[in-house]
Amino acid sequence: MSERPIYYRLAEAHWREHCPRRVAELERTGVLEAALQEASDLTATEMGAAIRSCLQRGATPDQAEREAWEMIRERHVLLPPETPA
């Protein structure tokens, strides 16, 4: 089996720690892997576009990656923590 992409692994770790009810529901319905893959794919696509935009504005590659991650990370990977039940 191939290693999962970094955004997939980040999302899975974050969701399991901070969104356990969401993970339980996704597992119960058999769509956790698909949801994680979608979050990973969307993040990768959006990161690419954001990095290109940052580079066009004159950022260095490292700056562009950091700035893009700051803009994108909470959209699909680092979801807000669930409130206690």
Protein backbone atom coordinates (compact mmCIF):
# COMPACT_ATOMS: atom_id res chain seq x y z
CA MET A 1 0.00 0.00 0.00
CA SER A 2 1.32 3.45 -0.86
CA GLU A 3 1.79 6.11 1.76
CA ARG A 4 -1.06 8.59 2.08
CA PRO A 5 -0.45 12.22 1.01
CA ILE A 6 0.62 14.63 3.74
CA TYR A 7 -2.67 16.55 3.74
CA TYR A 8 -4.59 13.28 4.13
CA ARG A 9 -2.46 12.30 7.12
CA LEU A 10 -2.72 15.76 8.68
CA ALA A 11 -6.49 15.80 8.25
CA GLU A 12 -6.90 12.30 9.68
CA ALA A 13 -4.81 13.06 12.76
CA HIS A 14 -6.53 16.40 13.35
CA TRP A 15 -10.05 15.10 12.77
CA ARG A 16 -9.52 12.09 15.04
CA GLU A 17 -8.28 14.33 17.85
CA HIS A 18 -10.55 17.35 17.43
CA CYS A 19 -13.63 16.04 15.57
CA PRO A 20 -14.24 12.54 16.96
CA ARG A 21 -18.02 12.62 16.40
CA ARG A 22 -17.50 13.57 12.75
CA VAL A 23 -14.97 10.74 12.34
CA ALA A 24 -17.30 8.25 14.03
CA GLU A 25 -20.16 9.22 11.71
CA LEU A 26 -17.96 9.06 8.61
CA GLU A 27 -16.66 5.65 9.70
CA ARG A 28 -20.18 4.43 10.48
CA THR A 29 -21.34 5.39 6.99
CA GLY A 30 -18.20 4.02 5.36
CA VAL A 31 -17.01 7.28 3.83
CA LEU A 32 -14.15 8.37 6.10
CA GLU A 33 -11.42 7.51 3.59
CA ALA A 34 -13.29 9.28 0.78
CA ALA A 35 -13.82 12.38 2.93
CA LEU A 36 -10.15 12.46 3.90
CA GLN A 37 -9.10 12.01 0.27
CA GLU A 38 -11.39 14.82 -0.82
CA ALA A 39 -10.02 17.12 1.90
CA SER A 40 -6.49 16.22 0.80
CA ASP A 41 -7.20 16.76 -2.89
CA LEU A 42 -8.97 20.08 -2.35
CA THR A 43 -6.17 21.30 -0.12
CA ALA A 44 -3.48 20.33 -2.62
CA THR A 45 -5.32 22.08 -5.45
CA GLU A 46 -5.96 25.23 -3.43
CA MET A 47 -2.41 25.26 -2.10
CA GLY A 48 -1.03 25.14 -5.64
CA ALA A 49 -3.14 28.11 -6.71
CA ALA A 50 -2.33 30.08 -3.56
CA ILE A 51 1.40 29.41 -3.88
CA ARG A 52 1.38 30.57 -7.50
CA SER A 53 -0.45 33.73 -6.47
CA CYS A 54 2.06 34.43 -3.70
CA LEU A 55 4.99 33.86 -6.04
CA GLN A 56 3.48 36.27 -8.57
CA ARG A 57 3.36 38.90 -5.82
CA GLY A 58 7.10 38.42 -5.24
CA ALA A 59 7.21 36.00 -2.30
CA THR A 60 10.06 33.53 -2.08
CA PRO A 61 9.05 29.86 -2.48
CA ASP A 62 9.27 29.31 1.30
CA GLN A 63 7.25 32.45 2.02
CA ALA A 64 4.68 31.46 -0.59
CA GLU A 65 4.22 28.00 0.90
CA ARG A 66 3.88 29.33 4.45
CA GLU A 67 1.44 32.05 3.40
CA ALA A 68 -0.63 29.62 1.33
CA TRP A 69 -0.81 27.14 4.23
CA GLU A 70 -1.99 29.93 6.55
CA MET A 71 -4.77 30.77 4.08
CA ILE A 72 -5.86 27.22 3.20
CA ARG A 73 -5.28 24.93 6.18
CA GLU A 74 -8.56 25.52 8.02
CA ARG A 75 -10.75 25.04 4.95
CA HIS A 76 -10.47 21.26 4.68
CA VAL A 77 -7.71 19.88 6.92
CA LEU A 78 -7.62 21.67 10.27
CA LEU A 79 -11.36 21.86 10.89
CA PRO A 80 -12.63 23.68 13.98
CA PRO A 81 -12.74 21.43 17.04
CA GLU A 82 -16.13 20.01 17.94
CA THR A 83 -17.79 21.43 20.99
CA PRO A 84 -18.11 19.00 23.88
CA ALA A 85 -21.34 16.98 23.86
